Amino acid sequence: GMYCATANEEEIAEGVKSVKKILAENY
């Protein structure tokens, strides 16, 4: 919801990368 709450495919792709990075580094 912080990074991918949009219908724009490019923004979604970038958001998914950010979420994966946060989970990889902080989860």
mmCIF file of all heavy atoms, coordinates in Angstrom:
data_MODEL
# 
_entry.id   MODEL 
# 
loop_
_atom_site.group_PDB 
_atom_site.id 
_atom_site.type_symbol 
_atom_site.label_atom_id 
_atom_site.label_alt_id 
_atom_site.label_comp_id 
_atom_site.label_asym_id 
_atom_site.label_entity_id 
_atom_site.label_seq_id 
_atom_site.pdbx_PDB_ins_code 
_atom_site.Cartn_x 
_atom_site.Cartn_y 
_atom_site.Cartn_z 
_atom_site.occupancy 
_atom_site.B_iso_or_equiv 
_atom_site.pdbx_formal_charge 
_atom_site.auth_seq_id 
_atom_site.auth_comp_id 
_atom_site.auth_asym_id 
_atom_site.auth_atom_id 
_atom_site.pdbx_PDB_model_num 
ATOM 1   N N   . GLY A 1 1  ? 0.816  -1.211  0.000   1.00 0.00 ? 1  GLY A N   1 
ATOM 2   C CA  . GLY A 1 1  ? 0.000  0.000   0.000   1.00 0.00 ? 1  GLY A CA  1 
ATOM 3   C C   . GLY A 1 1  ? 0.850  1.261   0.000   1.00 0.00 ? 1  GLY A C   1 
ATOM 4   O O   . GLY A 1 1  ? 0.443  2.308   -0.522  1.00 0.00 ? 1  GLY A O   1 
ATOM 5   N N   . MET A 1 2  ? 2.061  1.173   0.571   1.00 0.00 ? 2  MET A N   1 
ATOM 6   C CA  . MET A 1 2  ? 2.962  2.327   0.594   1.00 0.00 ? 2  MET A CA  1 
ATOM 7   C C   . MET A 1 2  ? 3.648  2.539   -0.758  1.00 0.00 ? 2  MET A C   1 
ATOM 8   O O   . MET A 1 2  ? 3.931  3.672   -1.149  1.00 0.00 ? 2  MET A O   1 
ATOM 9   C CB  . MET A 1 2  ? 4.028  2.127   1.683   1.00 0.00 ? 2  MET A CB  1 
ATOM 10  C CG  . MET A 1 2  ? 3.482  2.152   3.102   1.00 0.00 ? 2  MET A CG  1 
ATOM 11  S SD  . MET A 1 2  ? 4.714  1.653   4.331   1.00 0.00 ? 2  MET A SD  1 
ATOM 12  C CE  . MET A 1 2  ? 5.890  3.001   4.206   1.00 0.00 ? 2  MET A CE  1 
ATOM 13  N N   . TYR A 1 3  ? 3.879  1.438   -1.484  1.00 0.00 ? 3  TYR A N   1 
ATOM 14  C CA  . TYR A 1 3  ? 4.698  1.530   -2.697  1.00 0.00 ? 3  TYR A CA  1 
ATOM 15  C C   . TYR A 1 3  ? 3.987  1.139   -3.993  1.00 0.00 ? 3  TYR A C   1 
ATOM 16  O O   . TYR A 1 3  ? 4.443  1.498   -5.070  1.00 0.00 ? 3  TYR A O   1 
ATOM 17  C CB  . TYR A 1 3  ? 5.946  0.648   -2.547  1.00 0.00 ? 3  TYR A CB  1 
ATOM 18  C CG  . TYR A 1 3  ? 6.862  1.084   -1.438  1.00 0.00 ? 3  TYR A CG  1 
ATOM 19  C CD1 . TYR A 1 3  ? 6.803  0.472   -0.189  1.00 0.00 ? 3  TYR A CD1 1 
ATOM 20  C CD2 . TYR A 1 3  ? 7.781  2.111   -1.625  1.00 0.00 ? 3  TYR A CD2 1 
ATOM 21  C CE1 . TYR A 1 3  ? 7.640  0.865   0.842   1.00 0.00 ? 3  TYR A CE1 1 
ATOM 22  C CE2 . TYR A 1 3  ? 8.631  2.520   -0.602  1.00 0.00 ? 3  TYR A CE2 1 
ATOM 23  C CZ  . TYR A 1 3  ? 8.556  1.888   0.640   1.00 0.00 ? 3  TYR A CZ  1 
ATOM 24  O OH  . TYR A 1 3  ? 9.379  2.295   1.654   1.00 0.00 ? 3  TYR A OH  1 
ATOM 25  N N   . CYS A 1 4  ? 2.869  0.389   -3.881  1.00 0.00 ? 4  CYS A N   1 
ATOM 26  C CA  . CYS A 1 4  ? 2.254  -0.151  -5.108  1.00 0.00 ? 4  CYS A CA  1 
ATOM 27  C C   . CYS A 1 4  ? 0.766  0.157   -5.236  1.00 0.00 ? 4  CYS A C   1 
ATOM 28  O O   . CYS A 1 4  ? 0.070  -0.512  -6.000  1.00 0.00 ? 4  CYS A O   1 
ATOM 29  C CB  . CYS A 1 4  ? 2.439  -1.670  -5.170  1.00 0.00 ? 4  CYS A CB  1 
ATOM 30  S SG  . CYS A 1 4  ? 4.140  -2.213  -5.062  1.00 0.00 ? 4  CYS A SG  1 
ATOM 31  N N   . ALA A 1 5  ? 0.243  1.124   -4.494  1.00 0.00 ? 5  ALA A N   1 
ATOM 32  C CA  . ALA A 1 5  ? -1.194 1.431   -4.564  1.00 0.00 ? 5  ALA A CA  1 
ATOM 33  C C   . ALA A 1 5  ? -1.474 2.314   -5.776  1.00 0.00 ? 5  ALA A C   1 
ATOM 34  O O   . ALA A 1 5  ? -1.824 3.487   -5.657  1.00 0.00 ? 5  ALA A O   1 
ATOM 35  C CB  . ALA A 1 5  ? -1.658 2.106   -3.275  1.00 0.00 ? 5  ALA A CB  1 
ATOM 36  N N   . THR A 1 6  ? -1.314 1.743   -6.954  1.00 0.00 ? 6  THR A N   1 
ATOM 37  C CA  . THR A 1 6  ? -1.490 2.477   -8.204  1.00 0.00 ? 6  THR A CA  1 
ATOM 38  C C   . THR A 1 6  ? -1.821 1.488   -9.317  1.00 0.00 ? 6  THR A C   1 
ATOM 39  O O   . THR A 1 6  ? -1.616 0.285   -9.164  1.00 0.00 ? 6  THR A O   1 
ATOM 40  C CB  . THR A 1 6  ? -0.190 3.246   -8.561  1.00 0.00 ? 6  THR A CB  1 
ATOM 41  O OG1 . THR A 1 6  ? -0.337 3.854   -9.832  1.00 0.00 ? 6  THR A OG1 1 
ATOM 42  C CG2 . THR A 1 6  ? 1.002  2.296   -8.601  1.00 0.00 ? 6  THR A CG2 1 
ATOM 43  N N   . ALA A 1 7  ? -2.329 2.017   -10.429 1.00 0.00 ? 7  ALA A N   1 
ATOM 44  C CA  . ALA A 1 7  ? -2.598 1.164   -11.593 1.00 0.00 ? 7  ALA A CA  1 
ATOM 45  C C   . ALA A 1 7  ? -1.494 1.296   -12.640 1.00 0.00 ? 7  ALA A C   1 
ATOM 46  O O   . ALA A 1 7  ? -1.499 0.602   -13.643 1.00 0.00 ? 7  ALA A O   1 
ATOM 47  C CB  . ALA A 1 7  ? -3.946 1.537   -12.207 1.00 0.00 ? 7  ALA A CB  1 
ATOM 48  N N   . ASN A 1 8  ? -0.522 2.181   -12.385 1.00 0.00 ? 8  ASN A N   1 
ATOM 49  C CA  . ASN A 1 8  ? 0.576  2.408   -13.321 1.00 0.00 ? 8  ASN A CA  1 
ATOM 50  C C   . ASN A 1 8  ? 1.572  1.250   -13.243 1.00 0.00 ? 8  ASN A C   1 
ATOM 51  O O   . ASN A 1 8  ? 2.161  0.995   -12.192 1.00 0.00 ? 8  ASN A O   1 
ATOM 52  C CB  . ASN A 1 8  ? 1.273  3.730   -12.984 1.00 0.00 ? 8  ASN A CB  1 
ATOM 53  C CG  . ASN A 1 8  ? 2.362  4.076   -13.986 1.00 0.00 ? 8  ASN A CG  1 
ATOM 54  O OD1 . ASN A 1 8  ? 3.361  3.386   -14.089 1.00 0.00 ? 8  ASN A OD1 1 
ATOM 55  N ND2 . ASN A 1 8  ? 2.149  5.170   -14.724 1.00 0.00 ? 8  ASN A ND2 1 
ATOM 56  N N   . GLU A 1 9  ? 1.767  0.545   -14.357 1.00 0.00 ? 9  GLU A N   1 
ATOM 57  C CA  . GLU A 1 9  ? 2.602  -0.659  -14.365 1.00 0.00 ? 9  GLU A CA  1 
ATOM 58  C C   . GLU A 1 9  ? 4.055  -0.364  -13.978 1.00 0.00 ? 9  GLU A C   1 
ATOM 59  O O   . GLU A 1 9  ? 4.677  -1.146  -13.266 1.00 0.00 ? 9  GLU A O   1 
ATOM 60  C CB  . GLU A 1 9  ? 2.561  -1.319  -15.754 1.00 0.00 ? 9  GLU A CB  1 
ATOM 61  C CG  . GLU A 1 9  ? 1.232  -1.988  -16.094 1.00 0.00 ? 9  GLU A CG  1 
ATOM 62  C CD  . GLU A 1 9  ? 0.935  -3.198  -15.214 1.00 0.00 ? 9  GLU A CD  1 
ATOM 63  O OE1 . GLU A 1 9  ? 1.882  -3.803  -14.677 1.00 0.00 ? 9  GLU A OE1 1 
ATOM 64  O OE2 . GLU A 1 9  ? -0.246 -3.530  -15.052 1.00 0.00 ? 9  GLU A OE2 1 
ATOM 65  N N   . GLU A 1 10 ? 4.603  0.765   -14.442 1.00 0.00 ? 10 GLU A N   1 
ATOM 66  C CA  . GLU A 1 10 ? 5.992  1.097   -14.113 1.00 0.00 ? 10 GLU A CA  1 
ATOM 67  C C   . GLU A 1 10 ? 6.151  1.366   -12.621 1.00 0.00 ? 10 GLU A C   1 
ATOM 68  O O   . GLU A 1 10 ? 7.114  0.926   -11.997 1.00 0.00 ? 10 GLU A O   1 
ATOM 69  C CB  . GLU A 1 10 ? 6.449  2.311   -14.933 1.00 0.00 ? 10 GLU A CB  1 
ATOM 70  C CG  . GLU A 1 10 ? 6.603  2.014   -16.429 1.00 0.00 ? 10 GLU A CG  1 
ATOM 71  C CD  . GLU A 1 10 ? 7.110  3.225   -17.203 1.00 0.00 ? 10 GLU A CD  1 
ATOM 72  O OE1 . GLU A 1 10 ? 7.427  4.244   -16.557 1.00 0.00 ? 10 GLU A OE1 1 
ATOM 73  O OE2 . GLU A 1 10 ? 7.175  3.145   -18.436 1.00 0.00 ? 10 GLU A OE2 1 
ATOM 74  N N   . GLU A 1 11 ? 5.182  2.110   -12.056 1.00 0.00 ? 11 GLU A N   1 
ATOM 75  C CA  . GLU A 1 11 ? 5.235  2.406   -10.623 1.00 0.00 ? 11 GLU A CA  1 
ATOM 76  C C   . GLU A 1 11 ? 5.067  1.135   -9.801  1.00 0.00 ? 11 GLU A C   1 
ATOM 77  O O   . GLU A 1 11 ? 5.692  0.970   -8.752  1.00 0.00 ? 11 GLU A O   1 
ATOM 78  C CB  . GLU A 1 11 ? 4.151  3.428   -10.257 1.00 0.00 ? 11 GLU A CB  1 
ATOM 79  C CG  . GLU A 1 11 ? 4.417  4.814   -10.814 1.00 0.00 ? 11 GLU A CG  1 
ATOM 80  C CD  . GLU A 1 11 ? 3.306  5.789   -10.474 1.00 0.00 ? 11 GLU A CD  1 
ATOM 81  O OE1 . GLU A 1 11 ? 2.497  5.497   -9.565  1.00 0.00 ? 11 GLU A OE1 1 
ATOM 82  O OE2 . GLU A 1 11 ? 3.235  6.851   -11.120 1.00 0.00 ? 11 GLU A OE2 1 
ATOM 83  N N   . ILE A 1 12 ? 4.194  0.228   -10.275 1.00 0.00 ? 12 ILE A N   1 
ATOM 84  C CA  . ILE A 1 12 ? 4.011  -1.046  -9.576  1.00 0.00 ? 12 ILE A CA  1 
ATOM 85  C C   . ILE A 1 12 ? 5.313  -1.846  -9.573  1.00 0.00 ? 12 ILE A C   1 
ATOM 86  O O   . ILE A 1 12 ? 5.730  -2.388  -8.547  1.00 0.00 ? 12 ILE A O   1 
ATOM 87  C CB  . ILE A 1 12 ? 2.875  -1.871  -10.227 1.00 0.00 ? 12 ILE A CB  1 
ATOM 88  C CG1 . ILE A 1 12 ? 1.517  -1.267  -9.867  1.00 0.00 ? 12 ILE A CG1 1 
ATOM 89  C CG2 . ILE A 1 12 ? 2.923  -3.333  -9.761  1.00 0.00 ? 12 ILE A CG2 1 
ATOM 90  C CD1 . ILE A 1 12 ? 0.339  -1.940  -10.547 1.00 0.00 ? 12 ILE A CD1 1 
ATOM 91  N N   . ALA A 1 13 ? 5.974  -1.890  -10.734 1.00 0.00 ? 13 ALA A N   1 
ATOM 92  C CA  . ALA A 1 13 ? 7.235  -2.644  -10.839 1.00 0.00 ? 13 ALA A CA  1 
ATOM 93  C C   . ALA A 1 13 ? 8.290  -2.084  -9.893  1.00 0.00 ? 13 ALA A C   1 
ATOM 94  O O   . ALA A 1 13 ? 8.993  -2.841  -9.202  1.00 0.00 ? 13 ALA A O   1 
ATOM 95  C CB  . ALA A 1 13 ? 7.736  -2.605  -12.282 1.00 0.00 ? 13 ALA A CB  1 
ATOM 96  N N   . GLU A 1 14 ? 8.381  -0.746  -9.830  1.00 0.00 ? 14 GLU A N   1 
ATOM 97  C CA  . GLU A 1 14 ? 9.341  -0.124  -8.910  1.00 0.00 ? 14 GLU A CA  1 
ATOM 98  C C   . GLU A 1 14 ? 8.950  -0.377  -7.460  1.00 0.00 ? 14 GLU A C   1 
ATOM 99  O O   . GLU A 1 14 ? 9.800  -0.630  -6.602  1.00 0.00 ? 14 GLU A O   1 
ATOM 100 C CB  . GLU A 1 14 ? 9.417  1.390   -9.175  1.00 0.00 ? 14 GLU A CB  1 
ATOM 101 C CG  . GLU A 1 14 ? 10.192 1.781   -10.414 1.00 0.00 ? 14 GLU A CG  1 
ATOM 102 C CD  . GLU A 1 14 ? 11.628 1.297   -10.373 1.00 0.00 ? 14 GLU A CD  1 
ATOM 103 O OE1 . GLU A 1 14 ? 12.300 1.503   -9.338  1.00 0.00 ? 14 GLU A OE1 1 
ATOM 104 O OE2 . GLU A 1 14 ? 12.074 0.696   -11.368 1.00 0.00 ? 14 GLU A OE2 1 
ATOM 105 N N   . GLY A 1 15 ? 7.633  -0.313  -7.202  1.00 0.00 ? 15 GLY A N   1 
ATOM 106 C CA  . GLY A 1 15 ? 7.141  -0.551  -5.847  1.00 0.00 ? 15 GLY A CA  1 
ATOM 107 C C   . GLY A 1 15 ? 7.436  -1.960  -5.369  1.00 0.00 ? 15 GLY A C   1 
ATOM 108 O O   . GLY A 1 15 ? 7.834  -2.178  -4.217  1.00 0.00 ? 15 GLY A O   1 
ATOM 109 N N   . VAL A 1 16 ? 7.228  -2.933  -6.255  1.00 0.00 ? 16 VAL A N   1 
ATOM 110 C CA  . VAL A 1 16 ? 7.507  -4.334  -5.906  1.00 0.00 ? 16 VAL A CA  1 
ATOM 111 C C   . VAL A 1 16 ? 8.982  -4.506  -5.555  1.00 0.00 ? 16 VAL A C   1 
ATOM 112 O O   . VAL A 1 16 ? 9.334  -5.207  -4.599  1.00 0.00 ? 16 VAL A O   1 
ATOM 113 C CB  . VAL A 1 16 ? 7.107  -5.282  -7.053  1.00 0.00 ? 16 VAL A CB  1 
ATOM 114 C CG1 . VAL A 1 16 ? 7.653  -6.686  -6.825  1.00 0.00 ? 16 VAL A CG1 1 
ATOM 115 C CG2 . VAL A 1 16 ? 5.592  -5.335  -7.181  1.00 0.00 ? 16 VAL A CG2 1 
ATOM 116 N N   . LYS A 1 17 ? 9.857  -3.846  -6.324  1.00 0.00 ? 17 LYS A N   1 
ATOM 117 C CA  . LYS A 1 17 ? 11.296 -3.910  -6.027  1.00 0.00 ? 17 LYS A CA  1 
ATOM 118 C C   . LYS A 1 17 ? 11.576 -3.361  -4.634  1.00 0.00 ? 17 LYS A C   1 
ATOM 119 O O   . LYS A 1 17 ? 12.368 -3.931  -3.873  1.00 0.00 ? 17 LYS A O   1 
ATOM 120 C CB  . LYS A 1 17 ? 12.083 -3.089  -7.068  1.00 0.00 ? 17 LYS A CB  1 
ATOM 121 C CG  . LYS A 1 17 ? 12.264 -3.774  -8.400  1.00 0.00 ? 17 LYS A CG  1 
ATOM 122 C CD  . LYS A 1 17 ? 13.130 -2.901  -9.312  1.00 0.00 ? 17 LYS A CD  1 
ATOM 123 C CE  . LYS A 1 17 ? 13.205 -3.503  -10.717 1.00 0.00 ? 17 LYS A CE  1 
ATOM 124 N NZ  . LYS A 1 17 ? 13.971 -2.610  -11.630 1.00 0.00 ? 17 LYS A NZ  1 
ATOM 125 N N   . SER A 1 18 ? 10.923 -2.236  -4.299  1.00 0.00 ? 18 SER A N   1 
ATOM 126 C CA  . SER A 1 18 ? 11.139 -1.612  -2.978  1.00 0.00 ? 18 SER A CA  1 
ATOM 127 C C   . SER A 1 18 ? 10.666 -2.532  -1.856  1.00 0.00 ? 18 SER A C   1 
ATOM 128 O O   . SER A 1 18 ? 11.357 -2.693  -0.846  1.00 0.00 ? 18 SER A O   1 
ATOM 129 C CB  . SER A 1 18 ? 10.400 -0.265  -2.899  1.00 0.00 ? 18 SER A CB  1 
ATOM 130 O OG  . SER A 1 18 ? 10.868 0.638   -3.864  1.00 0.00 ? 18 SER A OG  1 
ATOM 131 N N   . VAL A 1 19 ? 9.471  -3.119  -2.041  1.00 0.00 ? 19 VAL A N   1 
ATOM 132 C CA  . VAL A 1 19 ? 8.928  -4.012  -1.012  1.00 0.00 ? 19 VAL A CA  1 
ATOM 133 C C   . VAL A 1 19 ? 9.831  -5.228  -0.840  1.00 0.00 ? 19 VAL A C   1 
ATOM 134 O O   . VAL A 1 19 ? 10.127 -5.643  0.286   1.00 0.00 ? 19 VAL A O   1 
ATOM 135 C CB  . VAL A 1 19 ? 7.486  -4.443  -1.370  1.00 0.00 ? 19 VAL A CB  1 
ATOM 136 C CG1 . VAL A 1 19 ? 7.004  -5.529  -0.403  1.00 0.00 ? 19 VAL A CG1 1 
ATOM 137 C CG2 . VAL A 1 19 ? 6.550  -3.248  -1.333  1.00 0.00 ? 19 VAL A CG2 1 
ATOM 138 N N   . LYS A 1 20 ? 10.282 -5.811  -1.956  1.00 0.00 ? 20 LYS A N   1 
ATOM 139 C CA  . LYS A 1 20 ? 11.185 -6.969  -1.874  1.00 0.00 ? 20 LYS A CA  1 
ATOM 140 C C   . LYS A 1 20 ? 12.482 -6.604  -1.161  1.00 0.00 ? 20 LYS A C   1 
ATOM 141 O O   . LYS A 1 20 ? 13.012 -7.393  -0.372  1.00 0.00 ? 20 LYS A O   1 
ATOM 142 C CB  . LYS A 1 20 ? 11.485 -7.494  -3.278  1.00 0.00 ? 20 LYS A CB  1 
ATOM 143 C CG  . LYS A 1 20 ? 10.344 -8.293  -3.895  1.00 0.00 ? 20 LYS A CG  1 
ATOM 144 C CD  . LYS A 1 20 ? 10.750 -8.872  -5.238  1.00 0.00 ? 20 LYS A CD  1 
ATOM 145 C CE  . LYS A 1 20 ? 9.666  -9.791  -5.790  1.00 0.00 ? 20 LYS A CE  1 
ATOM 146 N NZ  . LYS A 1 20 ? 10.040 -10.368 -7.098  1.00 0.00 ? 20 LYS A NZ  1 
ATOM 147 N N   . LYS A 1 21 ? 12.976 -5.391  -1.429  1.00 0.00 ? 21 LYS A N   1 
ATOM 148 C CA  . LYS A 1 21 ? 14.217 -4.944  -0.788  1.00 0.00 ? 21 LYS A CA  1 
ATOM 149 C C   . LYS A 1 21 ? 14.024 -4.795  0.719   1.00 0.00 ? 21 LYS A C   1 
ATOM 150 O O   . LYS A 1 21 ? 14.869 -5.220  1.519   1.00 0.00 ? 21 LYS A O   1 
ATOM 151 C CB  . LYS A 1 21 ? 14.641 -3.601  -1.402  1.00 0.00 ? 21 LYS A CB  1 
ATOM 152 C CG  . LYS A 1 21 ? 15.989 -3.095  -0.921  1.00 0.00 ? 21 LYS A CG  1 
ATOM 153 C CD  . LYS A 1 21 ? 16.452 -1.936  -1.789  1.00 0.00 ? 21 LYS A CD  1 
ATOM 154 C CE  . LYS A 1 21 ? 17.862 -1.513  -1.406  1.00 0.00 ? 21 LYS A CE  1 
ATOM 155 N NZ  . LYS A 1 21 ? 17.938 -0.412  -0.496  1.00 0.00 ? 21 LYS A NZ  1 
ATOM 156 N N   . ILE A 1 22 ? 12.893 -4.190  1.109   1.00 0.00 ? 22 ILE A N   1 
ATOM 157 C CA  . ILE A 1 22 ? 12.605 -4.005  2.538   1.00 0.00 ? 22 ILE A CA  1 
ATOM 158 C C   . ILE A 1 22 ? 12.486 -5.359  3.234   1.00 0.00 ? 22 ILE A C   1 
ATOM 159 O O   . ILE A 1 22 ? 13.049 -5.574  4.325   1.00 0.00 ? 22 ILE A O   1 
ATOM 160 C CB  . ILE A 1 22 ? 11.309 -3.189  2.728   1.00 0.00 ? 22 ILE A CB  1 
ATOM 161 C CG1 . ILE A 1 22 ? 11.529 -1.746  2.318   1.00 0.00 ? 22 ILE A CG1 1 
ATOM 162 C CG2 . ILE A 1 22 ? 10.819 -3.255  4.182   1.00 0.00 ? 22 ILE A CG2 1 
ATOM 163 C CD1 . ILE A 1 22 ? 10.263 -0.926  2.184   1.00 0.00 ? 22 ILE A CD1 1 
ATOM 164 N N   . LEU A 1 23 ? 11.761 -6.285  2.595   1.00 0.00 ? 23 LEU A N   1 
ATOM 165 C CA  . LEU A 1 23 ? 11.600 -7.604  3.194   1.00 0.00 ? 23 LEU A CA  1 
ATOM 166 C C   . LEU A 1 23 ? 12.930 -8.351  3.255   1.00 0.00 ? 23 LEU A C   1 
ATOM 167 O O   . LEU A 1 23 ? 13.227 -9.041  4.232   1.00 0.00 ? 23 LEU A O   1 
ATOM 168 C CB  . LEU A 1 23 ? 10.573 -8.421  2.406   1.00 0.00 ? 23 LEU A CB  1 
ATOM 169 C CG  . LEU A 1 23 ? 9.116  -7.971  2.562   1.00 0.00 ? 23 LEU A CG  1 
ATOM 170 C CD1 . LEU A 1 23 ? 8.219  -8.721  1.591   1.00 0.00 ? 23 LEU A CD1 1 
ATOM 171 C CD2 . LEU A 1 23 ? 8.624  -8.180  3.995   1.00 0.00 ? 23 LEU A CD2 1 
ATOM 172 N N   . ALA A 1 24 ? 13.747 -8.198  2.200   1.00 0.00 ? 24 ALA A N   1 
ATOM 173 C CA  . ALA A 1 24 ? 15.045 -8.886  2.171   1.00 0.00 ? 24 ALA A CA  1 
ATOM 174 C C   . ALA A 1 24 ? 15.983 -8.354  3.249   1.00 0.00 ? 24 ALA A C   1 
ATOM 175 O O   . ALA A 1 24 ? 16.720 -9.109  3.883   1.00 0.00 ? 24 ALA A O   1 
ATOM 176 C CB  . ALA A 1 24 ? 15.684 -8.738  0.794   1.00 0.00 ? 24 ALA A CB  1 
ATOM 177 N N   . GLU A 1 25 ? 15.936 -7.032  3.473   1.00 0.00 ? 25 GLU A N   1 
ATOM 178 C CA  . GLU A 1 25 ? 16.891 -6.416  4.400   1.00 0.00 ? 25 GLU A CA  1 
ATOM 179 C C   . GLU A 1 25 ? 16.369 -6.296  5.826   1.00 0.00 ? 25 GLU A C   1 
ATOM 180 O O   . GLU A 1 25 ? 17.169 -6.310  6.775   1.00 0.00 ? 25 GLU A O   1 
ATOM 181 C CB  . GLU A 1 25 ? 17.287 -5.024  3.882   1.00 0.00 ? 25 GLU A CB  1 
ATOM 182 C CG  . GLU A 1 25 ? 18.047 -5.064  2.560   1.00 0.00 ? 25 GLU A CG  1 
ATOM 183 C CD  . GLU A 1 25 ? 18.425 -3.685  2.079   1.00 0.00 ? 25 GLU A CD  1 
ATOM 184 O OE1 . GLU A 1 25 ? 18.061 -2.694  2.754   1.00 0.00 ? 25 GLU A OE1 1 
ATOM 185 O OE2 . GLU A 1 25 ? 19.081 -3.583  1.015   1.00 0.00 ? 25 GLU A OE2 1 
ATOM 186 N N   . ASN A 1 26 ? 15.041 -6.169  5.985   1.00 0.00 ? 26 ASN A N   1 
ATOM 187 C CA  . ASN A 1 26 ? 14.511 -5.861  7.318   1.00 0.00 ? 26 ASN A CA  1 
ATOM 188 C C   . ASN A 1 26 ? 13.617 -6.937  7.932   1.00 0.00 ? 26 ASN A C   1 
ATOM 189 O O   . ASN A 1 26 ? 13.515 -7.019  9.158   1.00 0.00 ? 26 ASN A O   1 
ATOM 190 C CB  . ASN A 1 26 ? 13.740 -4.536  7.275   1.00 0.00 ? 26 ASN A CB  1 
ATOM 191 C CG  . ASN A 1 26 ? 14.580 -3.393  6.750   1.00 0.00 ? 26 ASN A CG  1 
ATOM 192 O OD1 . ASN A 1 26 ? 14.344 -2.896  5.657   1.00 0.00 ? 26 ASN A OD1 1 
ATOM 193 N ND2 . ASN A 1 26 ? 15.582 -2.979  7.509   1.00 0.00 ? 26 ASN A ND2 1 
ATOM 194 N N   . TYR A 1 27 ? 12.942 -7.733  7.078   1.00 0.00 ? 27 TYR A N   1 
ATOM 195 C CA  . TYR A 1 27 ? 12.119 -8.806  7.634   1.00 0.00 ? 27 TYR A CA  1 
ATOM 196 C C   . TYR A 1 27 ? 13.035 -9.904  8.165   1.00 0.00 ? 27 TYR A C   1 
ATOM 197 O O   . TYR A 1 27 ? 13.939 -10.372 7.485   1.00 0.00 ? 27 TYR A O   1 
ATOM 198 C CB  . TYR A 1 27 ? 11.177 -9.373  6.572   1.00 0.00 ? 27 TYR A CB  1 
ATOM 199 C CG  . TYR A 1 27 ? 10.506 -10.667 6.990   1.00 0.00 ? 27 TYR A CG  1 
ATOM 200 C CD1 . TYR A 1 27 ? 9.606  -10.686 8.045   1.00 0.00 ? 27 TYR A CD1 1 
ATOM 201 C CD2 . TYR A 1 27 ? 10.800 -11.860 6.338   1.00 0.00 ? 27 TYR A CD2 1 
ATOM 202 C CE1 . TYR A 1 27 ? 9.005  -11.871 8.437   1.00 0.00 ? 27 TYR A CE1 1 
ATOM 203 C CE2 . TYR A 1 27 ? 10.208 -13.046 6.724   1.00 0.00 ? 27 TYR A CE2 1 
ATOM 204 C CZ  . TYR A 1 27 ? 9.299  -13.048 7.778   1.00 0.00 ? 27 TYR A CZ  1 
ATOM 205 O OH  . TYR A 1 27 ? 8.716  -14.219 8.180   1.00 0.00 ? 27 TYR A OH  1 
# 
